Every structure is written in structure tokens, then in C-alpha cells.
């Protein structure tokens, strides 16, 4: 396929863990044009062949960032603002993507813990994202996809890294943690009633499948 016939995917958060993984996965597939979006494009020209300014806190930057894109991948950062602005940010991104003619909107969400637990558990960094799902659905894109990625292996190299115990029967040993990481997503087509959900263990497989079409193989 000629490169100028490839679909362009614009990735918000391209300098972060999740957005960066999406950029690398799409580039590795060779099936798409990748537009890495960042607040400081001059500092990150190495991310992709196309690096464009975009800031979800500045809606006026989003329309140009999405122009000509077939798909948009959106992830927001709860921890940057305590979740206060996530709904506002996502709403601005959905509106800009719709106005720019984006056909496929991919939203990195999380389960509504409060609803699932009947209000027993309060997990705002999950539930806050879940409440944005309706905003994406109401955007009435030709296709939209929800990606659920609740944990990263990289977390174990940071603040959640195994710590050496100083006292007790396990003193001198490191706590070993074994995790099975997976991504779950659901893709919907507004012109049909079908809905699919699958689990995979590799972001590359997930994003290439999601961005290639409305169906997931």
C-alpha cells in the first residue's frame, strides 16, 4: 500500500507511557501514518515523522491537530489535576475530533467502580473516566473504541517497585510480584448494533487491530 493512502492516527499523550506505547506500536506495524501530539513538539521531534502541537487544556489547538486524521487516540491524566479537568478535556477533544471529520475515536477509559460496587468503593481515577464514555458515545462517530488499561508493568519499576524488607522472617529478601497484564477493549459501530469485546496482552496487537478497521480480529 502506498504511504499516502495509509490512514492517519493522531495520538494524544504521545510523550506518556500509554500514548507513547500507542505511537510505537502503530509505527512498528507500518500500516498507518502516525501523528504524535504533544504540548511541546519542538522538544519531541523524534517521536514520529509528524509531531504536532496539541493541548487538551487549550481546545483551540485541537482542531488543527486532528485535521486529516482518520482516527484519534485519547488518554487523559487524572493525576495531573486530581481528575478535575478530565471531563472538560475529553469533551473538548470529542468536539474537536467530530468537527475535524474524524471517523474513529479511541478512548482510554476505566470501569465505573462506584456503579459496579453499588457505591461501596470510591475510586475516582476509575469512575471519572467511565463517566466520559457517554460523551464519546454521544459524539456519534462512525466508529468508537474503549480501551481499558488499568495497570502497567512500568509501575513496578517506580513507586510500586519491590522493596527490601528490613525486619521479619523475610528480611533481606525482595518481594516478588507476578502480574498478568492485559488490555481489554470494546469497539462499537454507530451504524450497527454489533458489539465485540476481547482481551489481549500486547498493546501492539490491540492498537493495530483497532485502528485498522471497526472490527477487531
Protein backbone atom coordinates (compact mmCIF):
# COMPACT_ATOMS: atom_id res chain seq x y z
CA UNK A 1 0.00 0.00 0.00
CA UNK A 2 1.34 3.42 -0.86
CA UNK A 3 2.20 5.53 2.17
CA UNK A 4 -0.05 8.39 1.08
CA UNK A 5 -3.03 6.00 1.16
CA UNK A 6 -2.47 4.98 4.76
CA UNK A 7 -4.89 6.17 7.40
CA UNK A 8 -3.53 8.77 9.79
CA UNK A 9 -3.93 8.21 13.51
CA UNK A 10 -3.45 11.19 15.84
CA UNK A 11 -2.25 10.19 19.32
CA UNK A 12 -2.77 12.46 22.30
CA UNK A 13 -0.32 11.95 25.15
CA UNK A 14 2.44 10.75 22.84
CA UNK A 15 5.13 11.54 25.42
CA UNK A 16 3.48 9.45 28.15
CA UNK A 17 3.57 5.76 28.97
CA UNK A 18 0.32 4.79 27.26
CA UNK A 19 0.29 7.27 24.40
CA UNK A 20 3.96 6.59 23.72
CA UNK A 21 3.24 2.87 23.56
CA UNK A 22 0.48 3.52 21.05
CA UNK A 23 2.78 5.63 18.86
CA UNK A 24 5.49 2.94 18.87
CA UNK A 25 3.01 0.16 18.19
CA UNK A 26 1.44 1.91 15.22
CA UNK A 27 4.82 2.85 13.77
CA UNK A 28 6.07 -0.71 14.15
CA UNK A 29 3.06 -2.04 12.25
CA UNK A 30 3.89 0.09 9.21
CA UNK A 31 0.18 0.25 8.36
CA UNK A 32 -0.56 3.81 9.42
CA UNK A 33 0.61 7.36 9.32
CA UNK A 34 1.22 8.42 12.91
CA UNK A 35 0.75 11.95 14.16
CA UNK A 36 2.22 12.34 17.64
CA UNK A 37 0.52 15.08 19.61
CA UNK A 38 2.28 16.93 22.42
CA UNK A 39 2.22 20.31 24.12
CA UNK A 40 5.89 20.82 23.20
CA UNK A 41 6.50 19.46 19.68
CA UNK A 42 9.91 21.12 19.34
CA UNK A 43 11.20 19.03 22.26
CA UNK A 44 9.95 15.73 20.87
CA UNK A 45 10.61 15.68 17.13
CA UNK A 46 11.99 12.16 17.44
CA UNK A 47 8.62 10.68 18.38
CA UNK A 48 7.30 10.31 14.85
CA UNK A 49 7.60 11.66 11.33
CA UNK A 50 4.76 14.04 12.18
CA UNK A 51 4.78 15.77 15.57
CA UNK A 52 2.11 18.42 16.13
CA UNK A 53 1.16 20.70 18.99
CA UNK A 54 -1.98 19.78 20.90
CA UNK A 55 -3.08 20.57 24.43
CA UNK A 56 -6.36 19.26 25.81
CA UNK A 57 -6.43 22.29 28.11
CA UNK A 58 -6.35 24.55 25.05
CA UNK A 59 -9.23 23.45 22.79
CA UNK A 60 -8.15 25.91 20.12
CA UNK A 61 -5.11 23.69 19.40
CA UNK A 62 -7.11 20.52 18.82
CA UNK A 63 -8.93 21.10 15.54
CA UNK A 64 -5.73 21.61 13.57
CA UNK A 65 -4.12 18.69 15.40
CA UNK A 66 -6.95 16.38 14.31
CA UNK A 67 -7.35 17.71 10.78
CA UNK A 68 -6.93 14.96 8.20
CA UNK A 69 -6.85 12.18 10.81
CA UNK A 70 -8.93 9.07 10.33
CA UNK A 71 -8.60 8.13 14.00
CA UNK A 72 -7.79 9.79 17.30
CA UNK A 73 -6.44 8.08 20.40
CA UNK A 74 -7.20 9.97 23.62
CA UNK A 75 -5.80 9.35 27.09
CA UNK A 76 -6.14 11.88 29.92
CA UNK A 77 -4.06 12.19 33.08
CA UNK A 78 -6.12 12.10 36.26
CA UNK A 79 -3.09 12.62 38.46
CA UNK A 80 -2.05 15.87 36.81
CA UNK A 81 -5.12 17.73 38.06
CA UNK A 82 -6.76 15.36 40.51
CA UNK A 83 -9.28 14.43 37.83
CA UNK A 84 -10.95 17.83 37.99
CA UNK A 85 -10.48 18.64 34.34
CA UNK A 86 -10.78 15.23 32.69
CA UNK A 87 -14.40 15.64 31.67
CA UNK A 88 -13.72 19.11 30.28
CA UNK A 89 -10.63 17.89 28.42
CA UNK A 90 -12.33 14.85 26.92
CA UNK A 91 -15.39 16.84 25.89
CA UNK A 92 -13.18 19.35 24.07
CA UNK A 93 -11.31 16.53 22.33
CA UNK A 94 -14.51 14.79 21.24
CA UNK A 95 -15.97 18.03 19.90
CA UNK A 96 -12.79 18.93 18.01
CA UNK A 97 -12.45 15.43 16.55
CA UNK A 98 -16.04 15.47 15.35
CA UNK A 99 -15.62 18.91 13.78
CA UNK A 100 -12.44 17.73 12.05
CA UNK A 101 -14.19 14.76 10.44
CA UNK A 102 -12.51 12.02 12.48
CA UNK A 103 -14.12 8.65 11.74
CA UNK A 104 -12.79 6.54 14.61
CA UNK A 105 -12.40 7.81 18.18
CA UNK A 106 -10.42 5.65 20.60
CA UNK A 107 -10.83 6.49 24.28
CA UNK A 108 -8.69 5.06 27.09
CA UNK A 109 -11.23 4.53 29.84
CA UNK A 110 -11.65 2.57 33.09
CA UNK A 111 -14.57 0.79 34.78
CA UNK A 112 -17.16 2.67 36.84
CA UNK A 113 -16.14 1.27 40.23
CA UNK A 114 -18.84 3.14 42.12
CA UNK A 115 -21.59 1.68 39.93
CA UNK A 116 -20.10 -1.82 39.99
CA UNK A 117 -19.75 -1.81 43.78
CA UNK A 118 -23.09 -0.15 44.42
CA UNK A 119 -21.34 2.86 45.92
CA UNK A 120 -19.26 0.78 48.34
CA UNK A 121 -15.94 1.76 46.80
CA UNK A 122 -14.80 5.25 45.83
CA UNK A 123 -12.14 5.09 43.11
CA UNK A 124 -12.33 8.48 41.37
CA UNK A 125 -9.49 7.90 38.90
CA UNK A 126 -11.50 4.96 37.51
CA UNK A 127 -15.05 6.24 37.79
CA UNK A 128 -14.18 9.68 36.44
CA UNK A 129 -13.03 8.18 33.16
CA UNK A 130 -16.05 5.86 32.98
CA UNK A 131 -18.35 8.86 33.09
CA UNK A 132 -16.71 10.18 29.93
CA UNK A 133 -17.81 7.09 27.99
CA UNK A 134 -21.21 8.66 27.38
CA UNK A 135 -19.58 11.79 25.95
CA UNK A 136 -17.74 9.64 23.41
CA UNK A 137 -20.87 7.69 22.52
CA UNK A 138 -22.85 10.89 22.09
CA UNK A 139 -20.18 12.13 19.68
CA UNK A 140 -21.76 9.77 17.12
CA UNK A 141 -18.53 8.89 15.40
CA UNK A 142 -18.68 6.32 12.64
CA UNK A 143 -16.73 4.06 15.00
CA UNK A 144 -15.57 4.42 18.57
CA UNK A 145 -13.48 2.16 20.78
CA UNK A 146 -13.00 1.94 24.53
CA UNK A 147 -9.59 0.68 25.66
CA UNK A 148 -9.19 -0.39 29.29
CA UNK A 149 -5.60 -0.46 30.52
CA UNK A 150 -5.72 -0.28 34.34
CA UNK A 151 -2.12 -1.19 35.15
CA UNK A 152 1.33 -1.04 33.54
CA UNK A 153 4.34 -3.24 34.17
CA UNK A 154 6.35 0.00 34.32
CA UNK A 155 4.59 0.75 37.61
CA UNK A 156 6.73 -1.94 39.19
CA UNK A 157 9.88 -0.01 38.31
CA UNK A 158 8.66 3.14 40.03
CA UNK A 159 6.81 3.85 43.27
CA UNK A 160 5.40 0.30 43.30
CA UNK A 161 8.76 -1.39 42.84
CA UNK A 162 9.53 -4.39 45.10
CA UNK A 163 11.06 -3.19 48.36
CA UNK A 164 13.64 -4.94 50.52
CA UNK A 165 12.24 -5.84 53.96
CA UNK A 166 14.30 -4.73 56.90
CA UNK A 167 12.70 -6.89 59.59
CA UNK A 168 10.71 -10.10 59.95
CA UNK A 169 11.15 -13.63 58.58
CA UNK A 170 11.64 -12.33 55.04
CA UNK A 171 14.30 -9.77 55.97
CA UNK A 172 16.93 -9.39 53.27
CA UNK A 173 14.65 -10.74 50.54
CA UNK A 174 12.79 -8.80 47.90
CA UNK A 175 9.06 -9.07 47.48
CA UNK A 176 8.37 -10.67 44.13
CA UNK A 177 5.22 -9.75 42.29
CA UNK A 178 3.87 -11.59 39.30
CA UNK A 179 1.24 -9.88 37.26
CA UNK A 180 -0.62 -10.86 34.15
CA UNK A 181 -1.18 -7.64 32.24
CA UNK A 182 -3.87 -7.38 29.63
CA UNK A 183 -5.75 -4.81 27.65
CA UNK A 184 -9.49 -5.03 27.22
CA UNK A 185 -11.43 -3.06 24.69
CA UNK A 186 -14.84 -2.82 23.15
CA UNK A 187 -15.49 -1.44 19.69
CA UNK A 188 -18.85 -0.18 18.52
CA UNK A 189 -20.11 0.96 15.15
CA UNK A 190 -22.87 3.53 15.37
CA UNK A 191 -24.49 2.24 12.18
CA UNK A 192 -24.84 -1.28 13.58
CA UNK A 193 -25.89 -2.98 16.80
CA UNK A 194 -23.00 -5.40 17.00
CA UNK A 195 -20.56 -5.10 19.89
CA UNK A 196 -17.37 -7.07 20.48
CA UNK A 197 -15.07 -7.31 23.48
CA UNK A 198 -11.76 -9.16 23.64
CA UNK A 199 -8.69 -9.34 25.84
CA UNK A 200 -5.12 -9.34 24.56
CA UNK A 201 -1.76 -8.95 26.23
CA UNK A 202 0.00 -6.71 23.74
CA UNK A 203 -0.68 -3.08 23.03
CA UNK A 204 0.72 -3.50 19.54
CA UNK A 205 -1.88 -6.11 18.57
CA UNK A 206 -4.62 -4.07 20.19
CA UNK A 207 -3.88 -0.75 18.58
CA UNK A 208 -3.13 -2.11 15.12
CA UNK A 209 -6.40 -4.03 15.15
CA UNK A 210 -8.39 -1.12 16.50
CA UNK A 211 -7.04 1.44 14.09
CA UNK A 212 -7.17 -0.78 11.02
CA UNK A 213 -10.95 -1.02 10.96
CA UNK A 214 -14.04 -1.03 13.10
CA UNK A 215 -13.70 -4.76 13.68
CA UNK A 216 -11.18 -6.49 15.91
CA UNK A 217 -9.65 -9.75 14.72
